[in-house]
Amino acid sequence: MSQQTRVPAGVVHRHISGLIADKLAKKEMSPGAITDCIIYGAKYGPYHNSIGNRIWNTVSPHLTKLHGGIQRDLRTVLVEGRQRNDLLDQLSQARYNPSLYPPTIYHNLTKYRIKEVNDINDVLYFLRKFRREKAEHPLYLDTERVLLPDKCGVEMTALIQLFDIYSSTILLIRTHRDSEFVRTIGRHLRDFSQTRKIAAFGSETILEEARTIDMQPNNQMSLKRYADVYGFTVSKSETTSDWENKKYRADQIKYAAYDVVVLHLIRMRILEDGERIAKDYEKHNVDI
């Protein structure tokens, strides 16, 4: 909570307002993520009426599937102008209720084990388990960021996701804004990559010194668009969730897990397409 006491509420609220407006312009924000953002901002202090109304006017068309009482409580938190810890507590609990916040269906996850950890010893245990010489498949990695950058504008890593196809394990590593913890994991990933490469989509700061496979074809290509090319649907509606929550919503967990699983699915599709093209080429030359 020390981070929250140092940053003026108005600064946080303006940041949240801009973040929500930007994401909803792309229609990439679930009701759960919207609720996360509103609650996150309210923890710094009550919203000023003008900012609260601006946020409410932006989000209200996207909350129509929520129960009327939830919508009313969110609006009250935004526009009443005083701290309503009672409503914040109710909303915090409600977002975990699937009957109030209908979950998104994520395919291709049922056969995998999802494990949340936040201790370096647990991380090292799984990295030893994932280590494999001459592995056909890399270890897949993705990260999620905190909602509020630090005072230098750096978007700190809140969650690190790893996917090991051999053990069917998806590891969700919570960092709790601990930069040293993240750096320590980065060093171990660098060592890990000497025997088995790590695949990610785009540049990941935590992998700066590791042997990696960058699956992003160019800097302009998003994972969502790239997945579409190969016939997979990726939702980005949870990107702006609160990844520092003590407890994740079911949609957050599945979203974070699927982001690394889809990297494997795409890579396998690319390899399959490559084999097909090679066979077609060989057949074409034989026919000639």
Foldseek 3Di string as FASTA:
>chain_A
DVQLQVDALVVLLVLLLVVLLVCVVVPFAAPLLLLQSLLVSCVSFQAEQVSLVSSLVSCVVRCVLADPVLNVLSSCSRHVRGRDVVSSVVSVVQSQDCVRRPADDDPPQPVAAEEEDADVVVVVVVLVVLQDAPDPDAKEKDFAFALDAPPVRHTDTQWMWIARPVRRYIYIYGHLSPPVSLQVVLVVQQVSQVRGEYEYADDDPSVPNHHYHHPHPDPVDDPQNLLVVLPDHARNNCRSHRSNDPDDHPNVSSNSRVNRVSVVVSVVSVVVVVVVVVVVVVVVVVVD
